[in-house]
Amino acid sequence: TLQESVVTSMETIMMFVIQESEPVHPGLASCLLRNLKKEKKDSLLASYRLAKRITRLCPEKLKPAFAELLQGSPLNEYSKVVASSVESSSDAGRDNNIDAVENDT
């Protein structure tokens, strides 16, 4: 369908932008996070799916931007893909809340 074609094209463009960015622009990361809130899942399904797919395709590139934007925010408000991205690799043992970083200082 046309919608699937548009989403696939947007996915490709966003993936290339993220892969070529050093670092990922905070505006793009913020847009992805807005669309990955659990409350958006049912109301904006196409944008939720797109954000989820992009986050799964580029977790390491998005991780620093997500971590910065999510400081002090509970991860349980977001899709599980956000927590997976933020906690991936060296941070695998971290809490499910970005506040844990601040509480250590």
PDB file of N, CA and C in Angstrom:
ATOM      1  N   THR A   1       0.841  -1.190   0.000  1.00  0.00           N
ATOM      2  CA  THR A   1       0.000   0.000   0.000  1.00  0.00           C
ATOM      3  C   THR A   1       0.880   1.246   0.000  1.00  0.00           C
ATOM      4  N   LEU A   2       0.256   2.364  -0.252  1.00  0.00           N
ATOM      5  CA  LEU A   2       0.977   3.630  -0.293  1.00  0.00           C
ATOM      6  C   LEU A   2       1.580   3.956   1.067  1.00  0.00           C
ATOM      7  N   GLN A   3       0.817   3.733   2.154  1.00  0.00           N
ATOM      8  CA  GLN A   3       1.317   4.039   3.492  1.00  0.00           C
ATOM      9  C   GLN A   3       2.570   3.212   3.807  1.00  0.00           C
ATOM     10  N   GLU A   4       2.554   1.938   3.475  1.00  0.00           N
ATOM     11  CA  GLU A   4       3.721   1.088   3.719  1.00  0.00           C
ATOM     12  C   GLU A   4       4.928   1.564   2.924  1.00  0.00           C
ATOM     13  N   SER A   5       4.696   1.986   1.705  1.00  0.00           N
ATOM     14  CA  SER A   5       5.768   2.477   0.854  1.00  0.00           C
ATOM     15  C   SER A   5       6.377   3.755   1.431  1.00  0.00           C
ATOM     16  N   VAL A   6       5.523   4.646   1.904  1.00  0.00           N
ATOM     17  CA  VAL A   6       6.001   5.900   2.498  1.00  0.00           C
ATOM     18  C   VAL A   6       6.806   5.609   3.759  1.00  0.00           C
ATOM     19  N   VAL A   7       6.301   4.719   4.609  1.00  0.00           N
ATOM     20  CA  VAL A   7       6.996   4.376   5.852  1.00  0.00           C
ATOM     21  C   VAL A   7       8.345   3.733   5.546  1.00  0.00           C
ATOM     22  N   THR A   8       8.401   2.843   4.582  1.00  0.00           N
ATOM     23  CA  THR A   8       9.660   2.203   4.206  1.00  0.00           C
ATOM     24  C   THR A   8      10.658   3.228   3.682  1.00  0.00           C
ATOM     25  N   SER A   9      10.199   4.164   2.873  1.00  0.00           N
ATOM     26  CA  SER A   9      11.078   5.213   2.351  1.00  0.00           C
ATOM     27  C   SER A   9      11.590   6.106   3.474  1.00  0.00           C
ATOM     28  N   MET A  10      10.709   6.471   4.394  1.00  0.00           N
ATOM     29  CA  MET A  10      11.116   7.300   5.531  1.00  0.00           C
ATOM     30  C   MET A  10      12.118   6.556   6.416  1.00  0.00           C
ATOM     31  N   GLU A  11      11.889   5.278   6.602  1.00  0.00           N
ATOM     32  CA  GLU A  11      12.804   4.450   7.395  1.00  0.00           C
ATOM     33  C   GLU A  11      14.199   4.470   6.782  1.00  0.00           C
ATOM     34  N   THR A  12      14.277   4.290   5.481  1.00  0.00           N
ATOM     35  CA  THR A  12      15.559   4.279   4.782  1.00  0.00           C
ATOM     36  C   THR A  12      16.266   5.622   4.932  1.00  0.00           C
ATOM     37  N   ILE A  13      15.538   6.704   4.727  1.00  0.00           N
ATOM     38  CA  ILE A  13      16.125   8.044   4.833  1.00  0.00           C
ATOM     39  C   ILE A  13      16.615   8.306   6.257  1.00  0.00           C
ATOM     40  N   MET A  14      15.769   8.005   7.239  1.00  0.00           N
ATOM     41  CA  MET A  14      16.137   8.252   8.632  1.00  0.00           C
ATOM     42  C   MET A  14      17.340   7.408   9.047  1.00  0.00           C
ATOM     43  N   MET A  15      17.380   6.175   8.586  1.00  0.00           N
ATOM     44  CA  MET A  15      18.486   5.294   8.921  1.00  0.00           C
ATOM     45  C   MET A  15      19.801   5.869   8.378  1.00  0.00           C
ATOM     46  N   PHE A  16      19.788   6.345   7.131  1.00  0.00           N
ATOM     47  CA  PHE A  16      20.994   6.935   6.551  1.00  0.00           C
ATOM     48  C   PHE A  16      21.396   8.210   7.291  1.00  0.00           C
ATOM     49  N   VAL A  17      20.433   9.048   7.639  1.00  0.00           N
ATOM     50  CA  VAL A  17      20.732  10.286   8.371  1.00  0.00           C
ATOM     51  C   VAL A  17      21.378   9.956   9.708  1.00  0.00           C
ATOM     52  N   ILE A  18      20.818   8.989  10.426  1.00  0.00           N
ATOM     53  CA  ILE A  18      21.358   8.599  11.730  1.00  0.00           C
ATOM     54  C   ILE A  18      22.751   7.996  11.589  1.00  0.00           C
ATOM     55  N   GLN A  19      22.935   7.119  10.616  1.00  0.00           N
ATOM     56  CA  GLN A  19      24.238   6.473  10.430  1.00  0.00           C
ATOM     57  C   GLN A  19      25.319   7.484  10.054  1.00  0.00           C
ATOM     58  N   GLU A  20      24.956   8.530   9.334  1.00  0.00           N
ATOM     59  CA  GLU A  20      25.934   9.524   8.893  1.00  0.00           C
ATOM     60  C   GLU A  20      26.137  10.644   9.905  1.00  0.00           C
ATOM     61  N   SER A  21      25.286  10.727  10.918  1.00  0.00           N
ATOM     62  CA  SER A  21      25.386  11.796  11.914  1.00  0.00           C
ATOM     63  C   SER A  21      26.397  11.442  12.985  1.00  0.00           C
ATOM     64  N   GLU A  22      27.154  12.447  13.381  1.00  0.00           N
ATOM     65  CA  GLU A  22      28.114  12.245  14.472  1.00  0.00           C
ATOM     66  C   GLU A  22      28.126  13.495  15.317  1.00  0.00           C
ATOM     67  N   PRO A  23      27.421  13.610  16.354  1.00  0.00           N
ATOM     68  CA  PRO A  23      26.461  12.662  16.929  1.00  0.00           C
ATOM     69  C   PRO A  23      25.077  12.832  16.307  1.00  0.00           C
ATOM     70  N   VAL A  24      24.141  11.992  16.721  1.00  0.00           N
ATOM     71  CA  VAL A  24      22.759  12.104  16.247  1.00  0.00           C
ATOM     72  C   VAL A  24      22.182  13.422  16.768  1.00  0.00           C
ATOM     73  N   HIS A  25      21.523  14.151  15.895  1.00  0.00           N
ATOM     74  CA  HIS A  25      20.926  15.429  16.272  1.00  0.00           C
ATOM     75  C   HIS A  25      19.878  15.216  17.364  1.00  0.00           C
ATOM     76  N   PRO A  26      19.938  15.993  18.443  1.00  0.00           N
ATOM     77  CA  PRO A  26      18.975  15.829  19.536  1.00  0.00           C
ATOM     78  C   PRO A  26      17.512  15.981  19.094  1.00  0.00           C
ATOM     79  N   GLY A  27      17.271  16.809  18.089  1.00  0.00           N
ATOM     80  CA  GLY A  27      15.908  16.991  17.592  1.00  0.00           C
ATOM     81  C   GLY A  27      15.338  15.716  16.991  1.00  0.00           C
ATOM     82  N   LEU A  28      16.171  14.994  16.267  1.00  0.00           N
ATOM     83  CA  LEU A  28      15.736  13.732  15.674  1.00  0.00           C
ATOM     84  C   LEU A  28      15.494  12.691  16.761  1.00  0.00           C
ATOM     85  N   ALA A  29      16.424  12.602  17.719  1.00  0.00           N
ATOM     86  CA  ALA A  29      16.258  11.648  18.821  1.00  0.00           C
ATOM     87  C   ALA A  29      15.015  11.976  19.638  1.00  0.00           C
ATOM     88  N   SER A  30      14.776  13.246  19.873  1.00  0.00           N
ATOM     89  CA  SER A  30      13.599  13.680  20.626  1.00  0.00           C
ATOM     90  C   SER A  30      12.312  13.314  19.900  1.00  0.00           C
ATOM     91  N   CYS A  31      12.312  13.490  18.593  1.00  0.00           N
ATOM     92  CA  CYS A  31      11.147  13.119  17.779  1.00  0.00           C
ATOM     93  C   CYS A  31      10.865  11.624  17.887  1.00  0.00           C
ATOM     94  N   LEU A  32      11.916  10.824  17.809  1.00  0.00           N
ATOM     95  CA  LEU A  32      11.750   9.373  17.946  1.00  0.00           C
ATOM     96  C   LEU A  32      11.180   9.031  19.319  1.00  0.00           C
ATOM     97  N   LEU A  33      11.733   9.638  20.361  1.00  0.00           N
ATOM     98  CA  LEU A  33      11.253   9.344  21.721  1.00  0.00           C
ATOM     99  C   LEU A  33       9.795   9.747  21.912  1.00  0.00           C
ATOM    100  N   ARG A  34       9.410  10.889  21.376  1.00  0.00           N
ATOM    101  CA  ARG A  34       7.996  11.316  21.483  1.00  0.00           C
ATOM    102  C   ARG A  34       7.066  10.267  20.896  1.00  0.00           C
ATOM    103  N   ASN A  35       7.498   9.663  19.807  1.00  0.00           N
ATOM    104  CA  ASN A  35       6.661   8.664  19.142  1.00  0.00           C
ATOM    105  C   ASN A  35       6.777   7.275  19.755  1.00  0.00           C
ATOM    106  N   LEU A  36       7.701   7.097  20.680  1.00  0.00           N
ATOM    107  CA  LEU A  36       7.864   5.799  21.341  1.00  0.00           C
ATOM    108  C   LEU A  36       7.232   5.748  22.728  1.00  0.00           C
ATOM    109  N   LYS A  37       6.518   6.803  23.094  1.00  0.00           N
ATOM    110  CA  LYS A  37       5.796   6.759  24.373  1.00  0.00           C
ATOM    111  C   LYS A  37       4.669   5.748  24.244  1.00  0.00           C
ATOM    112  N   LYS A  38       4.453   4.975  25.287  1.00  0.00           N
ATOM    113  CA  LYS A  38       3.426   3.933  25.255  1.00  0.00           C
ATOM    114  C   LYS A  38       2.054   4.493  24.920  1.00  0.00           C
ATOM    115  N   GLU A  39       1.773   5.708  25.376  1.00  0.00           N
ATOM    116  CA  GLU A  39       0.471   6.327  25.110  1.00  0.00           C
ATOM    117  C   GLU A  39       0.245   6.602  23.619  1.00  0.00           C
ATOM    118  N   LYS A  40       1.306   6.695  22.847  1.00  0.00           N
ATOM    119  CA  LYS A  40       1.202   6.971  21.404  1.00  0.00           C
ATOM    120  C   LYS A  40       0.943   5.702  20.597  1.00  0.00           C
ATOM    121  N   LYS A  41       1.206   4.564  21.184  1.00  0.00           N
ATOM    122  CA  LYS A  41       1.156   3.299  20.450  1.00  0.00           C
ATOM    123  C   LYS A  41      -0.154   3.098  19.700  1.00  0.00           C
ATOM    124  N   ASP A  42      -1.266   3.378  20.355  1.00  0.00           N
ATOM    125  CA  ASP A  42      -2.561   3.129  19.723  1.00  0.00           C
ATOM    126  C   ASP A  42      -3.045   4.283  18.861  1.00  0.00           C
ATOM    127  N   SER A  43      -2.715   5.506  19.254  1.00  0.00           N
ATOM    128  CA  SER A  43      -3.252   6.659  18.525  1.00  0.00           C
ATOM    129  C   SER A  43      -2.468   6.991  17.254  1.00  0.00           C
ATOM    130  N   LEU A  44      -1.172   6.772  17.261  1.00  0.00           N
ATOM    131  CA  LEU A  44      -0.334   7.103  16.107  1.00  0.00           C
ATOM    132  C   LEU A  44       0.483   5.888  15.692  1.00  0.00           C
ATOM    133  N   LEU A  45      -0.202   4.866  15.257  1.00  0.00           N
ATOM    134  CA  LEU A  45       0.428   3.571  15.008  1.00  0.00           C
ATOM    135  C   LEU A  45       1.562   3.630  13.976  1.00  0.00           C
ATOM    136  N   ALA A  46       1.364   4.336  12.872  1.00  0.00           N
ATOM    137  CA  ALA A  46       2.394   4.373  11.823  1.00  0.00           C
ATOM    138  C   ALA A  46       3.671   5.043  12.329  1.00  0.00           C
ATOM    139  N   SER A  47       3.550   6.159  13.022  1.00  0.00           N
ATOM    140  CA  SER A  47       4.754   6.844  13.518  1.00  0.00           C
ATOM    141  C   SER A  47       5.399   6.053  14.653  1.00  0.00           C
ATOM    142  N   TYR A  48       4.597   5.384  15.465  1.00  0.00           N
ATOM    143  CA  TYR A  48       5.121   4.525  16.537  1.00  0.00           C
ATOM    144  C   TYR A  48       5.942   3.383  15.940  1.00  0.00           C
ATOM    145  N   ARG A  49       5.388   2.726  14.931  1.00  0.00           N
ATOM    146  CA  ARG A  49       6.101   1.615  14.288  1.00  0.00           C
ATOM    147  C   ARG A  49       7.395   2.078  13.633  1.00  0.00           C
ATOM    148  N   LEU A  50       7.336   3.236  12.969  1.00  0.00           N
ATOM    149  CA  LEU A  50       8.520   3.768  12.309  1.00  0.00           C
ATOM    150  C   LEU A  50       9.611   4.073  13.346  1.00  0.00           C
ATOM    151  N   ALA A  51       9.259   4.745  14.408  1.00  0.00           N
ATOM    152  CA  ALA A  51      10.230   5.077  15.449  1.00  0.00           C
ATOM    153  C   ALA A  51      10.820   3.808  16.076  1.00  0.00           C
ATOM    154  N   LYS A  52       9.980   2.819  16.272  1.00  0.00           N
ATOM    155  CA  LYS A  52      10.438   1.562  16.865  1.00  0.00           C
ATOM    156  C   LYS A  52      11.427   0.855  15.926  1.00  0.00           C
ATOM    157  N   ARG A  53      11.112   0.826  14.632  1.00  0.00           N
ATOM    158  CA  ARG A  53      11.993   0.168  13.672  1.00  0.00           C
ATOM    159  C   ARG A  53      13.331   0.884  13.571  1.00  0.00           C
ATOM    160  N   ILE A  54      13.312   2.201  13.549  1.00  0.00           N
ATOM    161  CA  ILE A  54      14.550   2.984  13.466  1.00  0.00           C
ATOM    162  C   ILE A  54      15.406   2.743  14.703  1.00  0.00           C
ATOM    163  N   THR A  55      14.766   2.715  15.869  1.00  0.00           N
ATOM    164  CA  THR A  55      15.507   2.502  17.116  1.00  0.00           C
ATOM    165  C   THR A  55      16.125   1.114  17.146  1.00  0.00           C
ATOM    166  N   ARG A  56      15.435   0.133  16.606  1.00  0.00           N
ATOM    167  CA  ARG A  56      15.996  -1.231  16.545  1.00  0.00           C
ATOM    168  C   ARG A  56      17.135  -1.330  15.540  1.00  0.00           C
ATOM    169  N   LEU A  57      17.068  -0.549  14.481  1.00  0.00           N
ATOM    170  CA  LEU A  57      18.103  -0.600  13.444  1.00  0.00           C
ATOM    171  C   LEU A  57      19.369   0.166  13.824  1.00  0.00           C
ATOM    172  N   CYS A  58      19.243   1.175  14.687  1.00  0.00           N
ATOM    173  CA  CYS A  58      20.386   2.043  15.005  1.00  0.00           C
ATOM    174  C   CYS A  58      20.560   2.245  16.512  1.00  0.00           C
ATOM    175  N   PRO A  59      20.514   1.196  17.320  1.00  0.00           N
ATOM    176  CA  PRO A  59      20.544   1.401  18.770  1.00  0.00           C
ATOM    177  C   PRO A  59      21.819   2.063  19.285  1.00  0.00           C
ATOM    178  N   GLU A  60      22.968   1.670  18.763  1.00  0.00           N
ATOM    179  CA  GLU A  60      24.228   2.219  19.268  1.00  0.00           C
ATOM    180  C   GLU A  60      24.386   3.695  18.915  1.00  0.00           C
ATOM    181  N   LYS A  61      23.913   4.102  17.749  1.00  0.00           N
ATOM    182  CA  LYS A  61      24.003   5.502  17.349  1.00  0.00           C
ATOM    183  C   LYS A  61      23.037   6.370  18.156  1.00  0.00           C
ATOM    184  N   LEU A  62      21.879   5.817  18.520  1.00  0.00           N
ATOM    185  CA  LEU A  62      20.865   6.586  19.247  1.00  0.00           C
ATOM    186  C   LEU A  62      21.097   6.603  20.752  1.00  0.00           C
ATOM    187  N   LYS A  63      21.846   5.642  21.237  1.00  0.00           N
ATOM    188  CA  LYS A  63      22.039   5.477  22.680  1.00  0.00           C
ATOM    189  C   LYS A  63      22.498   6.754  23.386  1.00  0.00           C
ATOM    190  N   PRO A  64      23.558   7.435  22.931  1.00  0.00           N
ATOM    191  CA  PRO A  64      24.001   8.644  23.642  1.00  0.00           C
ATOM    192  C   PRO A  64      22.936   9.746  23.671  1.00  0.00           C
ATOM    193  N   ALA A  65      22.264   9.957  22.560  1.00  0.00           N
ATOM    194  CA  ALA A  65      21.230  10.996  22.501  1.00  0.00           C
ATOM    195  C   ALA A  65      20.045  10.632  23.383  1.00  0.00           C
ATOM    196  N   PHE A  66      19.625   9.373  23.341  1.00  0.00           N
ATOM    197  CA  PHE A  66      18.517   8.922  24.185  1.00  0.00           C
ATOM    198  C   PHE A  66      18.874   9.070  25.662  1.00  0.00           C
ATOM    199  N   ALA A  67      20.081   8.649  26.032  1.00  0.00           N
ATOM    200  CA  ALA A  67      20.500   8.718  27.435  1.00  0.00           C
ATOM    201  C   ALA A  67      20.474  10.155  27.939  1.00  0.00           C
ATOM    202  N   GLU A  68      20.934  11.077  27.112  1.00  0.00           N
ATOM    203  CA  GLU A  68      20.938  12.482  27.515  1.00  0.00           C
ATOM    204  C   GLU A  68      19.522  13.033  27.631  1.00  0.00           C
ATOM    205  N   LEU A  69      18.690  12.734  26.660  1.00  0.00           N
ATOM    206  CA  LEU A  69      17.316  13.248  26.668  1.00  0.00           C
ATOM    207  C   LEU A  69      16.452  12.633  27.760  1.00  0.00           C
ATOM    208  N   LEU A  70      16.776  11.425  28.167  1.00  0.00           N
ATOM    209  CA  LEU A  70      15.950  10.706  29.139  1.00  0.00           C
ATOM    210  C   LEU A  70      16.412  10.869  30.584  1.00  0.00           C
ATOM    211  N   GLN A  71      17.429  11.667  30.826  1.00  0.00           N
ATOM    212  CA  GLN A  71      17.908  11.834  32.199  1.00  0.00           C
ATOM    213  C   GLN A  71      16.755  12.255  33.101  1.00  0.00           C
ATOM    214  N   GLY A  72      16.545  11.484  34.175  1.00  0.00           N
ATOM    215  CA  GLY A  72      15.485  11.775  35.130  1.00  0.00           C
ATOM    216  C   GLY A  72      14.116  11.269  34.729  1.00  0.00           C
ATOM    217  N   SER A  73      14.021  10.602  33.583  1.00  0.00           N
ATOM    218  CA  SER A  73      12.723  10.101  33.109  1.00  0.00           C
ATOM    219  C   SER A  73      12.596   8.602  33.340  1.00  0.00           C
ATOM    220  N   PRO A  74      11.428   8.155  33.785  1.00  0.00           N
ATOM    221  CA  PRO A  74      11.226   6.704  33.936  1.00  0.00           C
ATOM    222  C   PRO A  74      11.083   6.038  32.567  1.00  0.00           C
ATOM    223  N   LEU A  75      11.863   5.004  32.339  1.00  0.00           N
ATOM    224  CA  LEU A  75      11.833   4.321  31.047  1.00  0.00           C
ATOM    225  C   LEU A  75      10.539   3.545  30.824  1.00  0.00           C
ATOM    226  N   ASN A  76       9.806   3.257  31.883  1.00  0.00           N
ATOM    227  CA  ASN A  76       8.573   2.480  31.705  1.00  0.00           C
ATOM    228  C   ASN A  76       7.469   3.260  30.993  1.00  0.00           C
ATOM    229  N   GLU A  77       7.681   4.536  30.721  1.00  0.00           N
ATOM    230  CA  GLU A  77       6.719   5.317  29.945  1.00  0.00           C
ATOM    231  C   GLU A  77       6.902   5.102  28.442  1.00  0.00           C
ATOM    232  N   TYR A  78       7.988   4.439  28.085  1.00  0.00           N
ATOM    233  CA  TYR A  78       8.349   4.265  26.683  1.00  0.00           C
ATOM    234  C   TYR A  78       8.287   2.799  26.273  1.00  0.00           C
ATOM    235  N   SER A  79       8.294   2.581  24.980  1.00  0.00           N
ATOM    236  CA  SER A  79       8.366   1.240  24.427  1.00  0.00           C
ATOM    237  C   SER A  79       9.618   0.551  24.964  1.00  0.00           C
ATOM    238  N   LYS A  80       9.568  -0.754  25.067  1.00  0.00           N
ATOM    239  CA  LYS A  80      10.714  -1.526  25.569  1.00  0.00           C
ATOM    240  C   LYS A  80      11.958  -1.321  24.720  1.00  0.00           C
ATOM    241  N   VAL A  81      11.793  -0.967  23.466  1.00  0.00           N
ATOM    242  CA  VAL A  81      12.936  -0.770  22.578  1.00  0.00           C
ATOM    243  C   VAL A  81      13.815   0.390  23.055  1.00  0.00           C
ATOM    244  N   VAL A  82      13.223   1.366  23.753  1.00  0.00           N
ATOM    245  CA  VAL A  82      13.993   2.492  24.276  1.00  0.00           C
ATOM    246  C   VAL A  82      14.920   2.008  25.388  1.00  0.00           C
ATOM    247  N   ALA A  83      14.372   1.257  26.325  1.00  0.00           N
ATOM    248  CA  ALA A  83      15.188   0.724  27.422  1.00  0.00           C
ATOM    249  C   ALA A  83      16.287  -0.174  26.868  1.00  0.00           C
ATOM    250  N   SER A  84      15.960  -0.988  25.887  1.00  0.00           N
ATOM    251  CA  SER A  84      16.960  -1.874  25.281  1.00  0.00           C
ATOM    252  C   SER A  84      18.083  -1.070  24.652  1.00  0.00           C
ATOM    253  N   SER A  85      17.735   0.016  24.000  1.00  0.00           N
ATOM    254  CA  SER A  85      18.734   0.856  23.353  1.00  0.00           C
ATOM    255  C   SER A  85      19.626   1.543  24.374  1.00  0.00           C
ATOM    256  N   VAL A  86      19.027   2.106  25.398  1.00  0.00           N
ATOM    257  CA  VAL A  86      19.784   2.845  26.411  1.00  0.00           C
ATOM    258  C   VAL A  86      20.646   1.912  27.250  1.00  0.00           C
ATOM    259  N   GLU A  87      20.157   0.724  27.516  1.00  0.00           N
ATOM    260  CA  GLU A  87      20.865  -0.213  28.384  1.00  0.00           C
ATOM    261  C   GLU A  87      21.771  -1.176  27.629  1.00  0.00           C
ATOM    262  N   SER A  88      21.840  -1.072  26.319  1.00  0.00           N
ATOM    263  CA  SER A  88      22.630  -2.011  25.528  1.00  0.00           C
ATOM    264  C   SER A  88      24.107  -1.917  25.836  1.00  0.00           C
ATOM    265  N   SER A  89      24.825  -2.902  25.425  1.00  0.00           N
ATOM    266  CA  SER A  89      26.286  -3.066  25.558  1.00  0.00           C
ATOM    267  C   SER A  89      26.776  -2.850  26.980  1.00  0.00           C
ATOM    268  N   SER A  90      27.607  -1.856  27.215  1.00  0.00           N
ATOM    269  CA  SER A  90      28.291  -1.709  28.500  1.00  0.00           C
ATOM    270  C   SER A  90      27.366  -1.352  29.648  1.00  0.00           C
ATOM    271  N   ASP A  91      26.176  -0.877  29.364  1.00  0.00           N
ATOM    272  CA  ASP A  91      25.251  -0.482  30.416  1.00  0.00           C
ATOM    273  C   ASP A  91      24.222  -1.558  30.719  1.00  0.00           C
ATOM    274  N   ALA A  92      24.453  -2.782  30.326  1.00  0.00           N
ATOM    275  CA  ALA A  92      23.459  -3.844  30.435  1.00  0.00           C
ATOM    276  C   ALA A  92      22.928  -4.041  31.844  1.00  0.00           C
ATOM    277  N   GLY A  93      23.712  -3.745  32.871  1.00  0.00           N
ATOM    278  CA  GLY A  93      23.260  -3.982  34.231  1.00  0.00           C
ATOM    279  C   GLY A  93      22.571  -2.805  34.886  1.00  0.00           C
ATOM    280  N   ARG A  94      22.337  -1.734  34.151  1.00  0.00           N
ATOM    281  CA  ARG A  94      21.746  -0.537  34.740  1.00  0.00           C
ATOM    282  C   ARG A  94      20.290  -0.699  35.097  1.00  0.00           C
ATOM    283  N   ASP A  95      19.822   0.161  35.992  1.00  0.00           N
ATOM    284  CA  ASP A  95      18.411   0.189  36.391  1.00  0.00           C
ATOM    285  C   ASP A  95      17.528   0.551  35.211  1.00  0.00           C
ATOM    286  N   ASN A  96      16.231   0.361  35.366  1.00  0.00           N
ATOM    287  CA  ASN A  96      15.269   0.736  34.346  1.00  0.00           C
ATOM    288  C   ASN A  96      14.870   2.195  34.458  1.00  0.00           C
ATOM    289  N   ASN A  97      15.660   2.981  35.138  1.00  0.00           N
ATOM    290  CA  ASN A  97      15.360   4.400  35.314  1.00  0.00           C
ATOM    291  C   ASN A  97      16.656   5.162  35.198  1.00  0.00           C
ATOM    292  N   ILE A  98      16.653   6.175  34.377  1.00  0.00           N
ATOM    293  CA  ILE A  98      17.844   6.974  34.151  1.00  0.00           C
ATOM    294  C   ILE A  98      18.243   7.694  35.446  1.00  0.00           C
ATOM    295  N   ASP A  99      17.323   7.875  36.385  1.00  0.00           N
ATOM    296  CA  ASP A  99      17.619   8.508  37.665  1.00  0.00           C
ATOM    297  C   ASP A  99      18.745   7.791  38.401  1.00  0.00           C
ATOM    298  N   ALA A 100      18.926   6.522  38.138  1.00  0.00           N
ATOM    299  CA  ALA A 100      19.956   5.743  38.838  1.00  0.00           C
ATOM    300  C   ALA A 100      21.321   6.364  38.648  1.00  0.00           C
ATOM    301  N   VAL A 101      21.565   6.959  37.492  1.00  0.00           N
ATOM    302  CA  VAL A 101      22.845   7.602  37.227  1.00  0.00           C
ATOM    303  C   VAL A 101      22.998   8.801  38.142  1.00  0.00           C
ATOM    304  N   GLU A 102      21.951   9.609  38.264  1.00  0.00           N
ATOM    305  CA  GLU A 102      22.013  10.801  39.088  1.00  0.00           C
ATOM    306  C   GLU A 102      22.125  10.467  40.562  1.00  0.00           C
ATOM    307  N   ASN A 103      21.531   9.386  41.002  1.00  0.00           N
ATOM    308  CA  ASN A 103      21.559   9.008  42.410  1.00  0.00           C
ATOM    309  C   ASN A 103      22.932   8.552  42.857  1.00  0.00           C
ATOM    310  N   ASP A 104      23.787   8.172  41.917  1.00  0.00           N
ATOM    311  CA  ASP A 104      25.128   7.710  42.258  1.00  0.00           C
ATOM    312  C   ASP A 104      26.072   8.861  42.583  1.00  0.00           C
ATOM    313  N   THR A 105      25.694  10.083  42.228  1.00  0.00           N
ATOM    314  CA  THR A 105      26.612  11.213  42.423  1.00  0.00           C
ATOM    315  C   THR A 105      26.406  11.898  43.748  1.00  0.00           C
TER     316      THR A 105
END
